[in-house]
Amino acid sequence: MSAEIISLSKARKAQEKAKAAKVTAQNRFKFGRTKAQKAVEKMQEETKVRRLDFVKRDGDTEPGEK
């Protein structure tokens, strides 16, 4: 009966790597957005800015401007 010999440093590194993978998966779920989702949000923001610029009258000033 012989037990398999393992390197403690390799076991420790493997354990840390698994823990890091779990954290990155959680962050991906929490913060991640696809490229398409980012593009849609950017397009919506640009549309909103264009609409505000369109309805702005010539005499109107931005808040803080004189």
N, C-alpha and C. Protein backbone atom coordinates (compact mmCIF):
# COMPACT_ATOMS: atom_id res chain seq x y z
N MET A 1 0.84 -1.19 0.00
CA MET A 1 0.00 0.00 0.00
C MET A 1 0.87 1.24 0.00
N SER A 2 0.90 1.87 -1.12
CA SER A 2 1.67 3.11 -1.18
C SER A 2 0.75 4.25 -1.60
N ALA A 3 0.89 5.33 -0.96
CA ALA A 3 0.07 6.50 -1.25
C ALA A 3 0.73 7.30 -2.36
N GLU A 4 -0.07 8.02 -3.07
CA GLU A 4 0.47 8.86 -4.14
C GLU A 4 1.16 10.07 -3.52
N ILE A 5 2.35 10.32 -3.96
CA ILE A 5 3.12 11.43 -3.44
C ILE A 5 2.73 12.70 -4.20
N ILE A 6 2.40 13.74 -3.45
CA ILE A 6 2.03 15.01 -4.06
C ILE A 6 2.95 16.11 -3.55
N SER A 7 3.15 17.06 -4.39
CA SER A 7 3.94 18.22 -4.00
C SER A 7 2.99 19.22 -3.32
N LEU A 8 3.33 19.62 -2.12
CA LEU A 8 2.46 20.53 -1.38
C LEU A 8 2.36 21.89 -2.05
N SER A 9 3.45 22.34 -2.65
CA SER A 9 3.40 23.65 -3.32
C SER A 9 2.49 23.58 -4.54
N LYS A 10 2.52 22.46 -5.27
CA LYS A 10 1.63 22.31 -6.43
C LYS A 10 0.18 22.22 -5.99
N ALA A 11 -0.06 21.52 -4.90
CA ALA A 11 -1.42 21.41 -4.38
C ALA A 11 -1.94 22.77 -3.92
N ARG A 12 -1.10 23.53 -3.26
CA ARG A 12 -1.48 24.87 -2.79
C ARG A 12 -1.78 25.78 -3.98
N LYS A 13 -0.92 25.73 -5.00
CA LYS A 13 -1.13 26.57 -6.19
C LYS A 13 -2.40 26.17 -6.92
N ALA A 14 -2.68 24.88 -7.01
CA ALA A 14 -3.90 24.42 -7.66
C ALA A 14 -5.13 24.89 -6.90
N GLN A 15 -5.05 24.86 -5.58
CA GLN A 15 -6.17 25.31 -4.75
C GLN A 15 -6.40 26.81 -4.94
N GLU A 16 -5.33 27.60 -4.97
CA GLU A 16 -5.44 29.04 -5.17
C GLU A 16 -5.99 29.35 -6.56
N LYS A 17 -5.56 28.59 -7.55
CA LYS A 17 -6.03 28.79 -8.93
C LYS A 17 -7.53 28.51 -9.03
N ALA A 18 -7.99 27.45 -8.37
CA ALA A 18 -9.41 27.12 -8.38
C ALA A 18 -10.23 28.21 -7.68
N LYS A 19 -9.70 28.73 -6.59
CA LYS A 19 -10.39 29.80 -5.87
C LYS A 19 -10.46 31.07 -6.73
N ALA A 20 -9.37 31.40 -7.41
CA ALA A 20 -9.35 32.57 -8.28
C ALA A 20 -10.32 32.39 -9.45
N ALA A 21 -10.40 31.20 -9.99
CA ALA A 21 -11.33 30.94 -11.10
C ALA A 21 -12.77 31.13 -10.65
N LYS A 22 -13.07 30.73 -9.42
CA LYS A 22 -14.42 30.89 -8.89
C LYS A 22 -14.76 32.38 -8.74
N VAL A 23 -13.80 33.16 -8.24
CA VAL A 23 -14.02 34.60 -8.06
C VAL A 23 -14.20 35.29 -9.41
N THR A 24 -13.39 34.93 -10.39
CA THR A 24 -13.52 35.56 -11.71
C THR A 24 -14.85 35.20 -12.36
N ALA A 25 -15.32 33.99 -12.16
CA ALA A 25 -16.63 33.61 -12.70
C ALA A 25 -17.73 34.43 -12.06
N GLN A 26 -17.63 34.67 -10.76
CA GLN A 26 -18.62 35.50 -10.08
C GLN A 26 -18.58 36.93 -10.59
N ASN A 27 -17.37 37.47 -10.81
CA ASN A 27 -17.23 38.83 -11.32
C ASN A 27 -17.75 38.93 -12.75
N ARG A 28 -17.50 37.92 -13.55
CA ARG A 28 -17.99 37.92 -14.92
C ARG A 28 -19.51 37.98 -14.92
N PHE A 29 -20.13 37.24 -14.04
CA PHE A 29 -21.59 37.26 -13.94
C PHE A 29 -22.09 38.61 -13.43
N LYS A 30 -21.37 39.17 -12.48
CA LYS A 30 -21.81 40.40 -11.82
C LYS A 30 -21.59 41.63 -12.71
N PHE A 31 -20.42 41.71 -13.37
CA PHE A 31 -20.06 42.93 -14.09
C PHE A 31 -20.04 42.77 -15.61
N GLY A 32 -20.02 41.57 -16.09
CA GLY A 32 -19.80 41.35 -17.51
C GLY A 32 -20.99 41.72 -18.37
N ARG A 33 -20.69 42.30 -19.49
CA ARG A 33 -21.69 42.59 -20.51
C ARG A 33 -21.09 42.20 -21.85
N THR A 34 -21.92 41.77 -22.75
CA THR A 34 -21.42 41.40 -24.06
C THR A 34 -21.13 42.66 -24.87
N LYS A 35 -20.40 42.48 -25.93
CA LYS A 35 -20.05 43.60 -26.80
C LYS A 35 -21.32 44.20 -27.40
N ALA A 36 -22.28 43.36 -27.73
CA ALA A 36 -23.55 43.84 -28.30
C ALA A 36 -24.31 44.69 -27.28
N GLN A 37 -24.32 44.27 -26.02
CA GLN A 37 -25.02 45.04 -25.00
C GLN A 37 -24.37 46.40 -24.82
N LYS A 38 -23.04 46.45 -24.84
CA LYS A 38 -22.33 47.72 -24.72
C LYS A 38 -22.64 48.62 -25.91
N ALA A 39 -22.71 48.05 -27.11
CA ALA A 39 -23.00 48.84 -28.30
C ALA A 39 -24.41 49.41 -28.25
N VAL A 40 -25.37 48.62 -27.78
CA VAL A 40 -26.76 49.10 -27.68
C VAL A 40 -26.84 50.24 -26.69
N GLU A 41 -26.20 50.11 -25.54
CA GLU A 41 -26.22 51.18 -24.54
C GLU A 41 -25.57 52.45 -25.08
N LYS A 42 -24.46 52.31 -25.80
CA LYS A 42 -23.78 53.47 -26.37
C LYS A 42 -24.67 54.15 -27.40
N MET A 43 -25.34 53.37 -28.24
CA MET A 43 -26.22 53.93 -29.26
C MET A 43 -27.40 54.65 -28.60
N GLN A 44 -27.96 54.08 -27.54
CA GLN A 44 -29.07 54.73 -26.85
C GLN A 44 -28.62 56.05 -26.22
N GLU A 45 -27.43 56.08 -25.65
CA GLU A 45 -26.91 57.31 -25.05
C GLU A 45 -26.69 58.38 -26.12
N GLU A 46 -26.13 58.00 -27.26
CA GLU A 46 -25.91 58.96 -28.34
C GLU A 46 -27.23 59.50 -28.87
N THR A 47 -28.24 58.63 -28.97
CA THR A 47 -29.55 59.07 -29.44
C THR A 47 -30.15 60.07 -28.46
N LYS A 48 -30.00 59.80 -27.18
CA LYS A 48 -30.53 60.71 -26.17
C LYS A 48 -29.85 62.08 -26.25
N VAL A 49 -28.54 62.09 -26.45
CA VAL A 49 -27.81 63.35 -26.55
C VAL A 49 -28.24 64.11 -27.81
N ARG A 50 -28.39 63.40 -28.92
CA ARG A 50 -28.82 64.07 -30.16
C ARG A 50 -30.20 64.67 -30.01
N ARG A 51 -31.11 63.96 -29.35
CA ARG A 51 -32.46 64.50 -29.15
C ARG A 51 -32.43 65.76 -28.29
N LEU A 52 -31.61 65.74 -27.24
CA LEU A 52 -31.51 66.94 -26.40
C LEU A 52 -30.92 68.10 -27.18
N ASP A 53 -29.90 67.84 -28.02
CA ASP A 53 -29.31 68.90 -28.83
C ASP A 53 -30.31 69.42 -29.85
N PHE A 54 -31.16 68.58 -30.37
CA PHE A 54 -32.14 68.98 -31.37
C PHE A 54 -33.19 69.92 -30.79
N VAL A 55 -33.65 69.64 -29.58
CA VAL A 55 -34.71 70.47 -28.99
C VAL A 55 -34.15 71.71 -28.30
N LYS A 56 -32.86 71.81 -28.19
CA LYS A 56 -32.22 72.96 -27.55
C LYS A 56 -32.36 74.19 -28.45
N ARG A 57 -32.78 75.27 -27.86
CA ARG A 57 -32.93 76.51 -28.63
C ARG A 57 -31.59 77.26 -28.66
N ASP A 58 -31.45 78.17 -29.61
CA ASP A 58 -30.20 78.90 -29.78
C ASP A 58 -29.84 79.73 -28.55
N GLY A 59 -30.80 80.31 -27.88
CA GLY A 59 -30.53 81.15 -26.74
C GLY A 59 -30.28 80.39 -25.45
N ASP A 60 -30.55 79.09 -25.46
CA ASP A 60 -30.36 78.29 -24.25
C ASP A 60 -28.87 78.12 -23.95
N THR A 61 -28.57 78.12 -22.67
CA THR A 61 -27.18 77.88 -22.26
C THR A 61 -27.17 76.66 -21.34
N GLU A 62 -26.02 76.06 -21.25
CA GLU A 62 -25.84 74.93 -20.35
C GLU A 62 -25.84 75.44 -18.91
N PRO A 63 -26.22 74.62 -17.96
CA PRO A 63 -26.14 75.05 -16.56
C PRO A 63 -24.70 75.42 -16.20
N GLY A 64 -24.53 76.55 -15.60
CA GLY A 64 -23.20 77.00 -15.22
C GLY A 64 -22.58 77.93 -16.24
N GLU A 65 -23.13 77.97 -17.46
CA GLU A 65 -22.60 78.90 -18.49
C GLU A 65 -23.35 80.21 -18.42
N LYS A 66 -22.70 81.27 -18.87
CA LYS A 66 -23.36 82.58 -18.90
C LYS A 66 -23.36 83.13 -20.30
